[in-house]
Amino acid sequence: MTLPFPSSEGIIRTKAIVFVQRKQSETQAAEATARRLYRILVRDLVLKCSIGIHAHELLAPQRVRINVDMAVLEQAGPLCDDIANVVSYEDVISGIKTMLADGHINLVETLAEKIAELCLSDGRVETARIRVEKLDVYAEAASVGIEIERSYAGSTPAGQP
């Protein structure tokens, strides 16, 4: 588009104005390339746990099923086939086992929050969805439990732990 504007000599000159419009799909593609996510999954991890508020739950551990789904920022550089460059599900499982060995937990909500904190302690993890289910509470139900999703607002850019 060309617009007229006055000059100091009294001559009307024209000035070219160029508008650049980027298609929405191009913008989204550029953003996706800049912030790529992958998911780390732990499915149906069944462990014994001292959990519950009732007297009979204090007497013996019970089975819990734990599911973890983490959205992780992909690092900027190559993976180099090196475990240090990814979030390790082995570390998550080991951390959960250590947590359960630390002693009695009253609520499945508390356990879910602790697992979310464990996952989010790695700055590459953006969100963690945690499901904790007690498997042996009611004969009529396969399980009872909770699912939470937590985010870490201070996630670092991809490739930086």
C-alpha atoms as a PDB file:
ATOM      1  CA  MET A   1       0.000   0.000   0.000  1.00  0.00           C
ATOM      2  CA  THR A   2       1.315   3.466  -0.840  1.00  0.00           C
ATOM      3  CA  LEU A   3       0.475   6.548   1.212  1.00  0.00           C
ATOM      4  CA  PRO A   4       1.201  10.192   0.279  1.00  0.00           C
ATOM      5  CA  PHE A   5       3.086  12.399   2.739  1.00  0.00           C
ATOM      6  CA  PRO A   6       4.366  15.971   2.443  1.00  0.00           C
ATOM      7  CA  SER A   7       8.114  16.675   2.163  1.00  0.00           C
ATOM      8  CA  SER A   8       9.984  19.765   3.300  1.00  0.00           C
ATOM      9  CA  GLU A   9      10.117  20.977  -0.345  1.00  0.00           C
ATOM     10  CA  GLY A  10       6.332  20.985  -0.615  1.00  0.00           C
ATOM     11  CA  ILE A  11       6.381  18.001  -2.967  1.00  0.00           C
ATOM     12  CA  ILE A  12       4.052  15.178  -2.143  1.00  0.00           C
ATOM     13  CA  ARG A  13       6.005  11.978  -2.000  1.00  0.00           C
ATOM     14  CA  THR A  14       4.736   8.487  -1.533  1.00  0.00           C
ATOM     15  CA  LYS A  15       5.847   6.027   1.064  1.00  0.00           C
ATOM     16  CA  ALA A  16       5.417   2.317   0.544  1.00  0.00           C
ATOM     17  CA  ILE A  17       4.065   0.366   3.484  1.00  0.00           C
ATOM     18  CA  VAL A  18       4.310  -3.381   3.352  1.00  0.00           C
ATOM     19  CA  PHE A  19       2.157  -5.523   5.567  1.00  0.00           C
ATOM     20  CA  VAL A  20       3.350  -9.021   6.293  1.00  0.00           C
ATOM     21  CA  GLN A  21       0.697 -11.394   7.440  1.00  0.00           C
ATOM     22  CA  ARG A  22       1.686 -14.828   8.576  1.00  0.00           C
ATOM     23  CA  LYS A  23      -0.873 -17.553   8.277  1.00  0.00           C
ATOM     24  CA  GLN A  24      -2.107 -18.951  11.564  1.00  0.00           C
ATOM     25  CA  SER A  25      -0.934 -22.440  10.604  1.00  0.00           C
ATOM     26  CA  GLU A  26       2.593 -21.126   9.958  1.00  0.00           C
ATOM     27  CA  THR A  27       2.646 -19.421  13.355  1.00  0.00           C
ATOM     28  CA  GLN A  28       1.407 -22.553  15.110  1.00  0.00           C
ATOM     29  CA  ALA A  29       3.976 -24.683  13.286  1.00  0.00           C
ATOM     30  CA  ALA A  30       6.782 -22.325  14.321  1.00  0.00           C
ATOM     31  CA  GLU A  31       5.618 -22.387  17.943  1.00  0.00           C
ATOM     32  CA  ALA A  32       5.323 -26.166  17.909  1.00  0.00           C
ATOM     33  CA  THR A  33       8.872 -26.480  16.587  1.00  0.00           C
ATOM     34  CA  ALA A  34      10.115 -24.151  19.303  1.00  0.00           C
ATOM     35  CA  ARG A  35       8.256 -26.009  22.126  1.00  0.00           C
ATOM     36  CA  ARG A  36       7.990 -29.679  21.337  1.00  0.00           C
ATOM     37  CA  LEU A  37       6.635 -31.987  24.008  1.00  0.00           C
ATOM     38  CA  TYR A  38       6.838 -35.721  24.504  1.00  0.00           C
ATOM     39  CA  ARG A  39       5.115 -37.882  27.090  1.00  0.00           C
ATOM     40  CA  ILE A  40       6.573 -40.175  29.717  1.00  0.00           C
ATOM     41  CA  LEU A  41       4.118 -42.849  30.810  1.00  0.00           C
ATOM     42  CA  VAL A  42       4.021 -45.250  33.722  1.00  0.00           C
ATOM     43  CA  ARG A  43       0.944 -47.420  33.358  1.00  0.00           C
ATOM     44  CA  ASP A  44      -0.657 -49.665  35.955  1.00  0.00           C
ATOM     45  CA  LEU A  45       2.200 -49.773  38.464  1.00  0.00           C
ATOM     46  CA  VAL A  46       0.823 -51.968  41.280  1.00  0.00           C
ATOM     47  CA  LEU A  47       2.608 -51.721  44.624  1.00  0.00           C
ATOM     48  CA  LYS A  48       1.866 -52.476  48.279  1.00  0.00           C
ATOM     49  CA  CYS A  49       1.320 -49.355  50.334  1.00  0.00           C
ATOM     50  CA  SER A  50       0.434 -48.474  53.916  1.00  0.00           C
ATOM     51  CA  ILE A  51      -2.394 -46.070  53.172  1.00  0.00           C
ATOM     52  CA  GLY A  52      -5.778 -45.149  54.616  1.00  0.00           C
ATOM     53  CA  ILE A  53      -7.517 -43.552  57.575  1.00  0.00           C
ATOM     54  CA  HIS A  54      -9.418 -46.566  58.915  1.00  0.00           C
ATOM     55  CA  ALA A  55      -8.088 -48.777  61.729  1.00  0.00           C
ATOM     56  CA  HIS A  56      -7.945 -51.889  59.533  1.00  0.00           C
ATOM     57  CA  GLU A  57      -5.888 -49.961  56.943  1.00  0.00           C
ATOM     58  CA  LEU A  58      -3.211 -49.308  59.563  1.00  0.00           C
ATOM     59  CA  LEU A  59      -2.734 -53.048  60.153  1.00  0.00           C
ATOM     60  CA  ALA A  60      -1.439 -54.166  56.772  1.00  0.00           C
ATOM     61  CA  PRO A  61      -0.345 -52.658  53.462  1.00  0.00           C
ATOM     62  CA  GLN A  62      -2.819 -52.723  50.585  1.00  0.00           C
ATOM     63  CA  ARG A  63      -2.421 -52.750  46.846  1.00  0.00           C
ATOM     64  CA  VAL A  64      -2.499 -49.457  44.979  1.00  0.00           C
ATOM     65  CA  ARG A  65      -2.350 -48.910  41.230  1.00  0.00           C
ATOM     66  CA  ILE A  66      -0.458 -45.826  40.098  1.00  0.00           C
ATOM     67  CA  ASN A  67      -0.524 -44.205  36.666  1.00  0.00           C
ATOM     68  CA  VAL A  68       1.740 -41.315  35.698  1.00  0.00           C
ATOM     69  CA  ASP A  69       1.541 -39.242  32.517  1.00  0.00           C
ATOM     70  CA  MET A  70       4.099 -36.435  32.182  1.00  0.00           C
ATOM     71  CA  ALA A  71       4.327 -33.830  29.412  1.00  0.00           C
ATOM     72  CA  VAL A  72       8.039 -33.160  28.991  1.00  0.00           C
ATOM     73  CA  LEU A  73       9.781 -30.407  27.043  1.00  0.00           C
ATOM     74  CA  GLU A  74      11.966 -31.913  24.362  1.00  0.00           C
ATOM     75  CA  GLN A  75      15.552 -30.725  24.490  1.00  0.00           C
ATOM     76  CA  ALA A  76      16.835 -28.463  21.737  1.00  0.00           C
ATOM     77  CA  GLY A  77      19.839 -30.579  20.770  1.00  0.00           C
ATOM     78  CA  PRO A  78      20.249 -34.208  19.762  1.00  0.00           C
ATOM     79  CA  LEU A  79      19.475 -36.968  22.247  1.00  0.00           C
ATOM     80  CA  CYS A  80      22.774 -38.708  21.483  1.00  0.00           C
ATOM     81  CA  ASP A  81      21.193 -41.948  22.757  1.00  0.00           C
ATOM     82  CA  ASP A  82      22.035 -40.761  26.304  1.00  0.00           C
ATOM     83  CA  ILE A  83      19.655 -41.285  29.245  1.00  0.00           C
ATOM     84  CA  ALA A  84      20.861 -37.997  30.771  1.00  0.00           C
ATOM     85  CA  ASN A  85      19.087 -36.160  27.937  1.00  0.00           C
ATOM     86  CA  VAL A  86      15.592 -37.443  28.805  1.00  0.00           C
ATOM     87  CA  VAL A  87      13.377 -37.763  31.860  1.00  0.00           C
ATOM     88  CA  SER A  88      13.802 -41.331  33.095  1.00  0.00           C
ATOM     89  CA  TYR A  89      10.708 -43.372  33.974  1.00  0.00           C
ATOM     90  CA  GLU A  90      13.069 -45.584  35.994  1.00  0.00           C
ATOM     91  CA  ASP A  91      13.826 -42.611  38.281  1.00  0.00           C
ATOM     92  CA  VAL A  92      10.101 -41.905  38.654  1.00  0.00           C
ATOM     93  CA  ILE A  93       9.305 -45.507  39.620  1.00  0.00           C
ATOM     94  CA  SER A  94      12.257 -45.643  42.014  1.00  0.00           C
ATOM     95  CA  GLY A  95      11.127 -42.373  43.611  1.00  0.00           C
ATOM     96  CA  ILE A  96       7.584 -43.690  44.074  1.00  0.00           C
ATOM     97  CA  LYS A  97       8.891 -46.889  45.702  1.00  0.00           C
ATOM     98  CA  THR A  98      11.065 -44.847  48.067  1.00  0.00           C
ATOM     99  CA  MET A  99       8.092 -42.637  48.926  1.00  0.00           C
ATOM    100  CA  LEU A 100       5.931 -45.656  49.785  1.00  0.00           C
ATOM    101  CA  ALA A 101       8.706 -47.138  51.932  1.00  0.00           C
ATOM    102  CA  ASP A 102       8.903 -43.939  54.015  1.00  0.00           C
ATOM    103  CA  GLY A 103       5.818 -44.847  56.051  1.00  0.00           C
ATOM    104  CA  HIS A 104       2.076 -44.590  56.317  1.00  0.00           C
ATOM    105  CA  ILE A 105       0.099 -42.140  54.181  1.00  0.00           C
ATOM    106  CA  ASN A 106      -3.453 -41.274  55.196  1.00  0.00           C
ATOM    107  CA  LEU A 107      -4.985 -40.143  51.902  1.00  0.00           C
ATOM    108  CA  VAL A 108      -4.681 -41.156  48.249  1.00  0.00           C
ATOM    109  CA  GLU A 109      -4.843 -37.395  47.559  1.00  0.00           C
ATOM    110  CA  THR A 110      -1.651 -36.888  49.570  1.00  0.00           C
ATOM    111  CA  LEU A 111       0.109 -39.681  47.720  1.00  0.00           C
ATOM    112  CA  ALA A 112      -0.952 -38.272  44.342  1.00  0.00           C
ATOM    113  CA  GLU A 113       0.331 -34.795  45.294  1.00  0.00           C
ATOM    114  CA  LYS A 114       3.689 -36.220  46.441  1.00  0.00           C
ATOM    115  CA  ILE A 115       4.082 -38.130  43.176  1.00  0.00           C
ATOM    116  CA  ALA A 116       3.245 -34.972  41.205  1.00  0.00           C
ATOM    117  CA  GLU A 117       5.891 -33.056  43.181  1.00  0.00           C
ATOM    118  CA  LEU A 118       8.418 -35.791  42.410  1.00  0.00           C
ATOM    119  CA  CYS A 119       7.666 -35.570  38.694  1.00  0.00           C
ATOM    120  CA  LEU A 120       7.726 -31.770  38.607  1.00  0.00           C
ATOM    121  CA  SER A 121      11.050 -31.622  40.452  1.00  0.00           C
ATOM    122  CA  ASP A 122      12.662 -32.095  37.014  1.00  0.00           C
ATOM    123  CA  GLY A 123      12.381 -28.691  35.329  1.00  0.00           C
ATOM    124  CA  ARG A 124      11.782 -30.304  31.937  1.00  0.00           C
ATOM    125  CA  VAL A 125       8.411 -31.668  33.101  1.00  0.00           C
ATOM    126  CA  GLU A 126       5.608 -29.226  32.272  1.00  0.00           C
ATOM    127  CA  THR A 127       2.622 -31.170  33.541  1.00  0.00           C
ATOM    128  CA  ALA A 128       2.059 -34.352  35.493  1.00  0.00           C
ATOM    129  CA  ARG A 129      -1.215 -36.278  35.567  1.00  0.00           C
ATOM    130  CA  ILE A 130      -1.295 -38.756  38.433  1.00  0.00           C
ATOM    131  CA  ARG A 131      -3.897 -41.423  39.163  1.00  0.00           C
ATOM    132  CA  VAL A 132      -3.802 -43.389  42.422  1.00  0.00           C
ATOM    133  CA  GLU A 133      -6.305 -46.188  43.026  1.00  0.00           C
ATOM    134  CA  LYS A 134      -6.842 -48.547  45.940  1.00  0.00           C
ATOM    135  CA  LEU A 135      -7.606 -51.952  44.479  1.00  0.00           C
ATOM    136  CA  ASP A 136      -9.010 -53.927  47.391  1.00  0.00           C
ATOM    137  CA  VAL A 137     -11.455 -51.570  49.122  1.00  0.00           C
ATOM    138  CA  TYR A 138     -14.804 -52.739  47.699  1.00  0.00           C
ATOM    139  CA  ALA A 139     -15.554 -56.166  46.273  1.00  0.00           C
ATOM    140  CA  GLU A 140     -18.093 -54.539  43.949  1.00  0.00           C
ATOM    141  CA  ALA A 141     -15.589 -52.073  42.438  1.00  0.00           C
ATOM    142  CA  ALA A 142     -12.359 -52.717  40.588  1.00  0.00           C
ATOM    143  CA  SER A 143     -10.840 -49.692  42.324  1.00  0.00           C
ATOM    144  CA  VAL A 144     -11.436 -46.371  44.069  1.00  0.00           C
ATOM    145  CA  GLY A 145      -9.112 -43.433  43.788  1.00  0.00           C
ATOM    146  CA  ILE A 146      -8.213 -40.021  42.484  1.00  0.00           C
ATOM    147  CA  GLU A 147      -6.669 -38.392  39.447  1.00  0.00           C
ATOM    148  CA  ILE A 148      -4.946 -35.000  39.568  1.00  0.00           C
ATOM    149  CA  GLU A 149      -3.088 -32.866  37.057  1.00  0.00           C
ATOM    150  CA  ARG A 150      -0.435 -30.412  38.150  1.00  0.00           C
ATOM    151  CA  SER A 151       1.713 -27.952  36.186  1.00  0.00           C
ATOM    152  CA  TYR A 152       5.028 -26.348  36.901  1.00  0.00           C
ATOM    153  CA  ALA A 153       4.860 -22.725  35.799  1.00  0.00           C
ATOM    154  CA  GLY A 154       8.645 -22.366  35.947  1.00  0.00           C
ATOM    155  CA  SER A 155       9.521 -25.041  33.388  1.00  0.00           C
ATOM    156  CA  THR A 156      12.811 -24.299  31.715  1.00  0.00           C
ATOM    157  CA  PRO A 157      13.260 -24.119  27.943  1.00  0.00           C
ATOM    158  CA  ALA A 158      13.738 -27.396  26.099  1.00  0.00           C
ATOM    159  CA  GLY A 159      17.154 -28.935  26.581  1.00  0.00           C
ATOM    160  CA  GLN A 160      17.878 -27.305  29.934  1.00  0.00           C
ATOM    161  CA  PRO A 161      17.447 -29.397  33.083  1.00  0.00           C
END
